Amino acid sequence: MLAKDKNKKRWKYIYESRLNNSFIKDDIKNDILLLNWFGFSLKEKQIFDTKYKYLEFHKKTQISYIFNILIQEGKSLNLTLRDKVRILKKIKSYYNGSYIILKFIEKRFSNSHIIDFGAGCGIINYVYKKNNFKIKTVFSCDIIEFCKLSFKKLNKDYDKYLFDDEIYDSSNYHKDSVFLFRWSYDEMVDTDKLKVLNLLRNNRPKGIIISGEKHSDKNHDIDLFCLMNNYEIIQFNSTYPLNHGPTRVYRLSVNKLSFKRKCFFYFVKFMGKFSTNLKKNLLYIYFSLSDKI
């Protein structure tokens, strides 16, 4: 795919997933990138508390710093008090979710390097910078320029961001890394997906965390890749620890894959050629019953 076509697909994804569901009517502008990020999906919608309560990890002084940037960006938009409250709730949710995932990785994979695919505005890096964790470094990776510019605005003195082809250079990563995937396959072309899987194959990170449902298609599946390359599923939850959909936590294993499981995964891969949803459902059943298979 030509570069211009690839970039067109990226911007189309941004408009569909952000601006079309936002109270912000303007086109994307560099001076309101962060506001677009926190303001999306708020149009005519309420933010309801779910049965899962985020612990109140955020600190008012840290939240207010981000909030003040957004207020400055939105001066020309005449935001209502209701909009401001919604944005503040969104920041708290992002901050708390980032804190939880960092604490989770700290417990499961202590003293690791985190490679965060799809950090967007860089909130995980911001939270990492403001708190003490037993984590060596946090790098943000993304293929959308929108996210890079937002990251730069929020993390002016913390420039650990890999963009576009920099992502696929194995020399940028440590061997004791944990890869956190929060981007969706619908914003990547097939060549990008193949590069991601090759990156994992070449680096062999000690942990891979995948959050969300859009990480599979008929030709590429990151979950099957993990399961067929000596990664064992050590945790599966419907939303925890980030509210991006089902979360799978993999750890590199020293044990070889058993014949029975290998046959099952090849069967799932074969069925995926006919139905991506069937493949996903079979994997989720496996995740839920993994200790019994």
Protein backbone atom coordinates (compact mmCIF):
# COMPACT_ATOMS: atom_id res chain seq x y z
CA MET A 1 0.00 0.00 0.00
CA LEU A 2 1.29 3.44 -0.89
CA ALA A 3 2.23 5.75 1.98
CA LYS A 4 -0.49 8.27 1.10
CA ASP A 5 -3.13 5.52 1.14
CA LYS A 6 -1.84 4.25 4.46
CA ASN A 7 -2.01 7.71 6.02
CA LYS A 8 -5.49 8.24 4.60
CA LYS A 9 -6.61 5.07 6.38
CA ARG A 10 -5.12 6.34 9.64
CA TRP A 11 -6.92 9.67 9.49
CA LYS A 12 -10.17 7.94 8.52
CA TYR A 13 -9.86 5.86 11.68
CA ILE A 14 -9.35 8.98 13.79
CA TYR A 15 -12.44 10.68 12.41
CA GLU A 16 -14.59 7.59 12.87
CA SER A 17 -13.39 6.71 16.37
CA ARG A 18 -12.86 10.20 17.82
CA LEU A 19 -14.41 13.20 16.12
CA ASN A 20 -17.65 11.64 14.91
CA ASN A 21 -18.52 10.82 18.53
CA SER A 22 -17.25 14.02 20.08
CA PHE A 23 -18.91 17.25 21.15
CA ILE A 24 -16.06 19.02 19.31
CA LYS A 25 -17.27 20.11 15.88
CA ASP A 26 -13.99 21.46 14.51
CA ASP A 27 -11.67 19.54 12.23
CA ILE A 28 -8.51 18.17 13.79
CA LYS A 29 -6.15 20.99 14.63
CA ASN A 30 -2.73 20.76 16.20
CA ASP A 31 -3.65 23.17 18.99
CA ILE A 32 -6.56 21.06 20.29
CA LEU A 33 -5.18 17.55 19.84
CA LEU A 34 -5.22 16.71 23.52
CA LEU A 35 -8.75 18.01 23.93
CA ASN A 36 -9.90 15.83 21.03
CA TRP A 37 -8.37 12.83 22.76
CA PHE A 38 -10.09 13.34 26.12
CA GLY A 39 -13.25 14.76 24.64
CA PHE A 40 -14.19 11.95 22.30
CA SER A 41 -17.27 9.78 22.86
CA LEU A 42 -18.86 12.35 25.16
CA LYS A 43 -21.47 13.72 22.78
CA GLU A 44 -24.96 13.16 24.21
CA LYS A 45 -23.57 10.47 26.49
CA GLN A 46 -23.31 10.02 30.23
CA ILE A 47 -20.33 8.42 31.93
CA PHE A 48 -21.81 5.80 34.21
CA ASP A 49 -19.95 4.02 36.99
CA THR A 50 -19.61 0.33 36.22
CA LYS A 51 -19.71 -2.49 38.72
CA TYR A 52 -15.92 -2.46 38.60
CA LYS A 53 -14.68 0.55 40.56
CA TYR A 54 -11.35 2.07 39.74
CA LEU A 55 -9.47 2.83 42.92
CA GLU A 56 -8.98 6.56 43.38
CA PHE A 57 -5.26 6.63 42.63
CA HIS A 58 -5.28 10.01 40.93
CA LYS A 59 -4.11 13.13 42.72
CA LYS A 60 -5.96 16.38 42.22
CA THR A 61 -2.81 18.37 41.48
CA GLN A 62 -1.77 15.94 38.74
CA ILE A 63 -5.24 15.81 37.20
CA SER A 64 -5.57 19.60 37.25
CA TYR A 65 -2.35 19.98 35.21
CA ILE A 66 -3.84 18.01 32.31
CA PHE A 67 -7.24 19.61 32.78
CA ASN A 68 -5.77 23.13 32.59
CA ILE A 69 -4.08 22.29 29.28
CA LEU A 70 -7.43 21.16 27.92
CA ILE A 71 -9.21 24.27 29.17
CA GLN A 72 -6.63 26.46 27.44
CA GLU A 73 -7.12 24.48 24.23
CA GLY A 74 -10.90 24.76 24.44
CA LYS A 75 -11.26 28.50 25.12
CA SER A 76 -12.46 29.15 21.60
CA LEU A 77 -14.96 26.29 21.81
CA ASN A 78 -17.02 27.79 24.67
CA LEU A 79 -17.21 24.52 26.58
CA THR A 80 -20.11 24.19 28.98
CA LEU A 81 -19.66 23.29 32.63
CA ARG A 82 -21.18 19.90 31.82
CA ASP A 83 -18.53 19.30 29.14
CA LYS A 84 -15.76 20.29 31.55
CA VAL A 85 -17.05 17.87 34.17
CA ARG A 86 -17.19 15.08 31.60
CA ILE A 87 -13.62 15.75 30.50
CA LEU A 88 -12.43 15.75 34.11
CA LYS A 89 -14.10 12.37 34.69
CA LYS A 90 -12.48 11.05 31.52
CA ILE A 91 -9.03 12.17 32.71
CA LYS A 92 -9.56 10.49 36.09
CA SER A 93 -10.60 7.28 34.38
CA TYR A 94 -7.54 7.31 32.11
CA TYR A 95 -5.21 8.18 34.96
CA ASN A 96 -6.57 5.49 37.28
CA GLY A 97 -6.59 2.88 34.53
CA SER A 98 -2.96 3.68 33.69
CA TYR A 99 -1.97 3.49 37.34
CA ILE A 100 -3.64 0.10 37.67
CA ILE A 101 -1.93 -1.37 34.61
CA LEU A 102 1.47 -0.10 35.78
CA LYS A 103 0.93 -1.61 39.23
CA PHE A 104 -0.23 -4.86 37.64
CA ILE A 105 2.89 -5.10 35.46
CA GLU A 106 5.08 -4.15 38.41
CA LYS A 107 3.68 -7.13 40.33
CA ARG A 108 3.72 -9.67 37.49
CA PHE A 109 6.86 -8.51 35.64
CA SER A 110 8.97 -6.51 38.10
CA ASN A 111 11.84 -4.31 36.84
CA SER A 112 10.81 -4.62 33.22
CA HIS A 113 10.74 -2.23 30.27
CA ILE A 114 7.19 -1.49 29.09
CA ILE A 115 6.50 -1.06 25.39
CA ASP A 116 3.04 0.47 25.10
CA PHE A 117 1.44 0.15 21.66
CA GLY A 118 -1.42 2.61 21.33
CA ALA A 119 -0.71 4.91 24.28
CA GLY A 120 -2.34 7.72 22.31
CA CYS A 121 -1.88 10.89 24.32
CA GLY A 122 0.84 9.29 26.43
CA ILE A 123 -1.13 9.11 29.66
CA ILE A 124 0.64 5.92 30.78
CA ASN A 125 3.99 7.68 30.40
CA TYR A 126 2.67 10.68 32.28
CA VAL A 127 1.46 8.51 35.18
CA TYR A 128 4.72 6.56 35.19
CA LYS A 129 6.67 9.80 35.39
CA LYS A 130 4.59 11.11 38.32
CA ASN A 131 4.71 7.97 40.48
CA ASN A 132 7.26 5.46 41.73
CA PHE A 133 7.13 2.02 40.13
CA LYS A 134 9.48 -0.95 39.99
CA ILE A 135 9.61 -0.49 36.24
CA LYS A 136 12.73 0.56 34.35
CA THR A 137 11.29 2.46 31.39
CA VAL A 138 8.05 3.08 29.52
CA PHE A 139 8.06 3.63 25.76
CA SER A 140 5.01 4.67 23.76
CA CYS A 141 4.58 3.40 20.20
CA ASP A 142 1.94 4.38 17.68
CA ILE A 143 1.47 4.66 13.94
CA ILE A 144 -0.91 7.65 14.02
CA GLU A 145 0.58 11.15 13.96
CA PHE A 146 -2.37 12.42 16.00
CA CYS A 147 -1.20 10.34 18.97
CA LYS A 148 2.43 11.39 18.60
CA LEU A 149 1.56 15.09 18.74
CA SER A 150 -0.69 14.56 21.76
CA PHE A 151 2.08 12.62 23.48
CA LYS A 152 4.57 15.43 22.87
CA LYS A 153 2.21 17.98 24.39
CA LEU A 154 1.63 15.97 27.55
CA ASN A 155 5.20 14.70 27.95
CA LYS A 156 7.41 17.62 26.95
CA ASP A 157 10.39 16.44 28.98
CA TYR A 158 9.85 12.73 28.53
CA ASP A 159 10.48 12.00 24.88
CA LYS A 160 10.32 8.20 24.82
CA TYR A 161 8.14 7.70 21.80
CA LEU A 162 8.62 5.45 18.78
CA PHE A 163 6.69 6.32 15.64
CA ASP A 164 5.98 4.49 12.40
CA ASP A 165 8.95 2.42 11.16
CA GLU A 166 10.91 3.12 14.36
CA ILE A 167 8.49 0.71 16.03
CA TYR A 168 9.70 -2.28 14.03
CA ASP A 169 13.43 -1.78 14.70
CA SER A 170 14.29 -4.53 17.19
CA SER A 171 17.38 -2.67 18.36
CA ASN A 172 15.10 -0.18 20.16
CA TYR A 173 13.92 -2.80 22.65
CA HIS A 174 15.32 -4.61 25.67
CA LYS A 175 15.06 -8.37 26.03
CA ASP A 176 13.26 -8.11 29.37
CA SER A 177 10.41 -6.07 27.92
CA VAL A 178 6.67 -6.36 28.42
CA PHE A 179 4.61 -5.43 25.36
CA LEU A 180 1.26 -3.81 26.09
CA PHE A 181 -1.11 -3.78 23.12
CA ARG A 182 -3.97 -1.28 23.12
CA TRP A 183 -4.24 -0.43 19.47
CA SER A 184 -6.69 -2.15 17.16
CA TYR A 185 -5.95 -4.04 13.99
CA ASP A 186 -8.49 -2.00 12.01
CA GLU A 187 -6.09 0.95 11.86
CA MET A 188 -3.20 -1.14 10.48
CA VAL A 189 -2.63 -2.55 7.03
CA ASP A 190 -1.59 -6.19 6.59
CA THR A 191 2.09 -5.32 6.29
CA ASP A 192 1.93 -3.53 9.66
CA LYS A 193 0.34 -6.55 11.33
CA LEU A 194 3.01 -8.86 9.94
CA LYS A 195 5.73 -6.48 11.15
CA VAL A 196 4.25 -6.52 14.66
CA LEU A 197 4.27 -10.32 14.80
CA ASN A 198 7.82 -10.45 13.42
CA LEU A 199 8.89 -7.91 16.05
CA LEU A 200 7.54 -10.16 18.80
CA ARG A 201 9.13 -13.21 17.20
CA ASN A 202 12.54 -11.53 17.03
CA ASN A 203 12.45 -9.95 20.49
CA ARG A 204 10.78 -12.69 22.52
CA PRO A 205 9.54 -10.32 25.28
CA LYS A 206 8.98 -11.87 28.69
CA GLY A 207 5.39 -10.65 28.77
CA ILE A 208 2.64 -9.68 26.34
CA ILE A 209 -0.60 -8.01 27.46
CA ILE A 210 -3.44 -7.58 24.98
CA SER A 211 -6.51 -5.52 25.82
CA GLY A 212 -9.47 -5.25 23.45
CA GLU A 213 -11.27 -7.35 20.86
CA LYS A 214 -9.90 -5.98 17.57
CA HIS A 215 -6.63 -7.88 17.49
CA SER A 216 -7.51 -10.55 15.00
CA ASP A 217 -8.50 -11.12 11.40
CA LYS A 218 -8.51 -14.09 9.02
CA ASN A 219 -4.81 -13.80 8.23
CA HIS A 220 -3.21 -12.52 11.42
CA ASP A 221 -3.98 -13.21 15.06
CA ILE A 222 -1.79 -11.98 17.88
CA ASP A 223 -3.38 -14.31 20.44
CA LEU A 224 -2.73 -17.40 18.34
CA PHE A 225 0.79 -16.17 17.75
CA CYS A 226 1.40 -16.01 21.50
CA LEU A 227 -0.16 -19.40 22.22
CA MET A 228 1.76 -21.14 19.43
CA ASN A 229 5.10 -19.55 20.34
CA ASN A 230 5.57 -20.73 23.92
CA TYR A 231 3.57 -18.02 25.67
CA GLU A 232 1.23 -19.24 28.38
CA ILE A 233 -1.93 -17.39 29.35
CA ILE A 234 -1.60 -16.42 33.03
CA GLN A 235 -4.63 -14.16 33.34
CA PHE A 236 -7.83 -13.49 31.43
CA ASN A 237 -10.46 -10.93 32.45
CA SER A 238 -13.43 -9.38 30.72
CA THR A 239 -12.28 -5.78 31.33
CA TYR A 240 -9.52 -5.67 33.97
CA PRO A 241 -7.05 -4.01 34.18
CA LEU A 242 -7.93 -1.55 31.39
CA ASN A 243 -11.41 -0.89 30.12
CA HIS A 244 -10.64 -1.64 26.47
CA GLY A 245 -12.32 -4.99 26.37
CA PRO A 246 -11.16 -8.50 27.32
CA THR A 247 -7.59 -8.51 28.67
CA ARG A 248 -5.17 -11.39 28.14
CA VAL A 249 -1.85 -11.62 29.94
CA TYR A 250 0.86 -13.88 28.49
CA ARG A 251 4.20 -14.91 29.96
CA LEU A 252 7.06 -16.51 28.04
CA SER A 253 7.32 -20.13 29.12
CA VAL A 254 10.30 -22.47 29.24
CA ASN A 255 8.00 -25.46 28.70
CA LYS A 256 7.28 -26.73 25.22
CA LEU A 257 3.71 -26.66 23.93
CA SER A 258 1.95 -29.99 24.47
CA PHE A 259 0.76 -31.98 21.46
CA LYS A 260 -2.88 -31.75 22.58
CA ARG A 261 -2.81 -27.95 22.85
CA LYS A 262 -0.88 -27.60 19.61
CA CYS A 263 -3.60 -29.58 17.79
CA PHE A 264 -6.29 -27.42 19.36
CA PHE A 265 -4.59 -24.16 18.28
CA TYR A 266 -4.14 -25.42 14.71
CA PHE A 267 -7.83 -26.30 14.67
CA VAL A 268 -8.72 -22.79 15.91
CA LYS A 269 -6.44 -21.25 13.27
CA PHE A 270 -8.09 -23.35 10.56
CA MET A 271 -11.60 -22.38 11.69
CA GLY A 272 -10.53 -18.73 11.71
CA LYS A 273 -10.18 -18.87 7.93
CA PHE A 274 -13.96 -19.20 7.76
CA SER A 275 -15.08 -17.06 10.72
CA THR A 276 -13.10 -14.58 12.80
CA ASN A 277 -15.85 -14.51 15.43
CA LEU A 278 -15.78 -18.29 15.76
CA LYS A 279 -12.03 -18.20 16.23
CA LYS A 280 -12.35 -15.49 18.87
CA ASN A 281 -15.05 -17.39 20.75
CA LEU A 282 -13.02 -20.61 20.72
CA LEU A 283 -10.03 -18.76 22.13
CA TYR A 284 -12.10 -17.11 24.85
CA ILE A 285 -13.46 -20.49 25.87
CA TYR A 286 -9.88 -21.72 26.06
CA PHE A 287 -8.86 -18.72 28.15
CA SER A 288 -11.72 -19.34 30.59
CA LEU A 289 -10.95 -23.08 30.90
CA SER A 290 -7.20 -23.05 30.31
CA ASP A 291 -6.42 -24.90 33.53
CA LYS A 292 -8.74 -27.73 32.47
CA ILE A 293 -7.53 -28.23 28.88
